[in-house]
Amino acid sequence: MVNEEIVGTDVDLNWILDAEGDLMTIDGSDNLAQGIYLRLTAYFDSMSWCYINYGSYLKDWFGKINEEYRRKSLLRAVLKKVLLDPR
């Protein structure tokens, strides 16, 4: 179970409007999943003007030969970035 106070609330990544015309928000485990997704898909330091060490080099792995060593290295890199999320 996710602690709602720690995870918080944020704007939904899909930019969907509710019936009143406001941006929809997400919270709980959905917000945590969105935060991890954004951290993994943003290229490392592409947002250095507002976040230090944000993003990953995940996109550099695309097109590489699929072998055991690279799979394990990729999993370690993803785990390292996921654990950087303070929540």
Protein backbone atom coordinates (compact mmCIF):
# COMPACT_ATOMS: atom_id res chain seq x y z
CA MET A 1 0.00 0.00 0.00
CA VAL A 2 1.23 3.48 -0.90
CA ASN A 3 1.27 6.31 1.66
CA GLU A 4 -0.81 9.04 -0.03
CA GLU A 5 0.90 11.85 1.90
CA ILE A 6 4.36 10.83 0.74
CA VAL A 7 3.45 10.10 -2.89
CA GLY A 8 1.33 13.21 -3.33
CA THR A 9 -0.78 14.42 -6.23
CA ASP A 10 0.26 15.70 -9.63
CA VAL A 11 -1.15 16.62 -13.02
CA ASP A 12 -2.00 13.58 -15.15
CA LEU A 13 0.63 13.09 -17.83
CA ASN A 14 -2.10 12.68 -20.47
CA TRP A 15 -3.33 16.29 -20.00
CA ILE A 16 -6.99 15.25 -19.77
CA LEU A 17 -9.60 17.84 -18.76
CA ASP A 18 -12.38 17.10 -16.29
CA ALA A 19 -16.02 18.24 -16.67
CA GLU A 20 -15.19 21.73 -15.33
CA GLY A 21 -12.29 22.15 -17.76
CA ASP A 22 -9.54 21.67 -15.16
CA LEU A 23 -6.61 19.36 -15.70
CA MET A 24 -7.14 15.93 -14.19
CA THR A 25 -4.81 14.92 -11.39
CA ILE A 26 -3.54 11.55 -10.25
CA ASP A 27 -2.41 10.40 -6.85
CA GLY A 28 -1.29 7.32 -4.99
CA SER A 29 0.41 4.48 -6.82
CA ASP A 30 -0.60 5.94 -10.21
CA ASN A 31 1.31 9.13 -9.41
CA LEU A 32 4.32 7.13 -8.27
CA ALA A 33 4.26 5.08 -11.48
CA GLN A 34 4.00 8.26 -13.55
CA GLY A 35 6.95 9.81 -11.71
CA ILE A 36 9.12 6.76 -12.34
CA TYR A 37 8.06 6.65 -16.00
CA LEU A 38 8.98 10.32 -16.46
CA ARG A 39 12.35 9.87 -14.76
CA LEU A 40 13.20 6.87 -16.97
CA THR A 41 12.07 8.43 -20.26
CA ALA A 42 13.62 11.89 -19.80
CA TYR A 43 17.16 11.97 -21.16
CA PHE A 44 19.71 12.43 -18.37
CA ASP A 45 20.24 16.09 -17.40
CA SER A 46 17.87 17.31 -20.12
CA MET A 47 16.06 19.17 -17.35
CA SER A 48 19.19 20.40 -15.56
CA TRP A 49 17.81 23.93 -15.47
CA CYS A 50 15.36 22.83 -12.76
CA TYR A 51 16.38 19.32 -11.59
CA ILE A 52 19.83 17.97 -10.79
CA ASN A 53 20.67 14.45 -12.05
CA TYR A 54 17.14 13.89 -13.38
CA GLY A 55 16.51 11.44 -16.21
CA SER A 56 18.29 8.37 -17.48
CA TYR A 57 20.30 6.96 -20.37
CA LEU A 58 17.60 4.37 -21.08
CA LYS A 59 17.19 5.55 -24.68
CA ASP A 60 20.86 4.76 -25.34
CA TRP A 61 20.04 1.07 -24.88
CA PHE A 62 17.64 0.95 -27.84
CA GLY A 63 19.03 -0.95 -30.81
CA LYS A 64 21.73 -2.75 -28.80
CA ILE A 65 22.32 -6.46 -29.21
CA ASN A 66 20.14 -8.43 -26.80
CA GLU A 67 22.53 -10.46 -24.65
CA GLU A 68 22.60 -11.49 -21.00
CA TYR A 69 25.27 -8.99 -19.88
CA ARG A 70 23.41 -6.04 -21.43
CA ARG A 71 20.07 -7.14 -19.98
CA LYS A 72 21.57 -7.30 -16.48
CA SER A 73 23.31 -3.96 -16.95
CA LEU A 74 20.07 -2.36 -18.12
CA LEU A 75 18.13 -3.78 -15.17
CA ARG A 76 20.76 -2.43 -12.76
CA ALA A 77 20.58 1.00 -14.41
CA VAL A 78 16.77 1.07 -14.21
CA LEU A 79 16.78 -0.05 -10.57
CA LYS A 80 19.33 2.63 -9.69
CA LYS A 81 17.15 5.35 -11.26
CA VAL A 82 13.93 4.04 -9.68
CA LEU A 83 15.55 4.12 -6.25
CA LEU A 84 16.44 7.80 -6.75
CA ASP A 85 12.78 8.71 -6.42
CA PRO A 86 12.51 9.99 -2.84
CA ARG A 87 9.01 8.60 -2.37
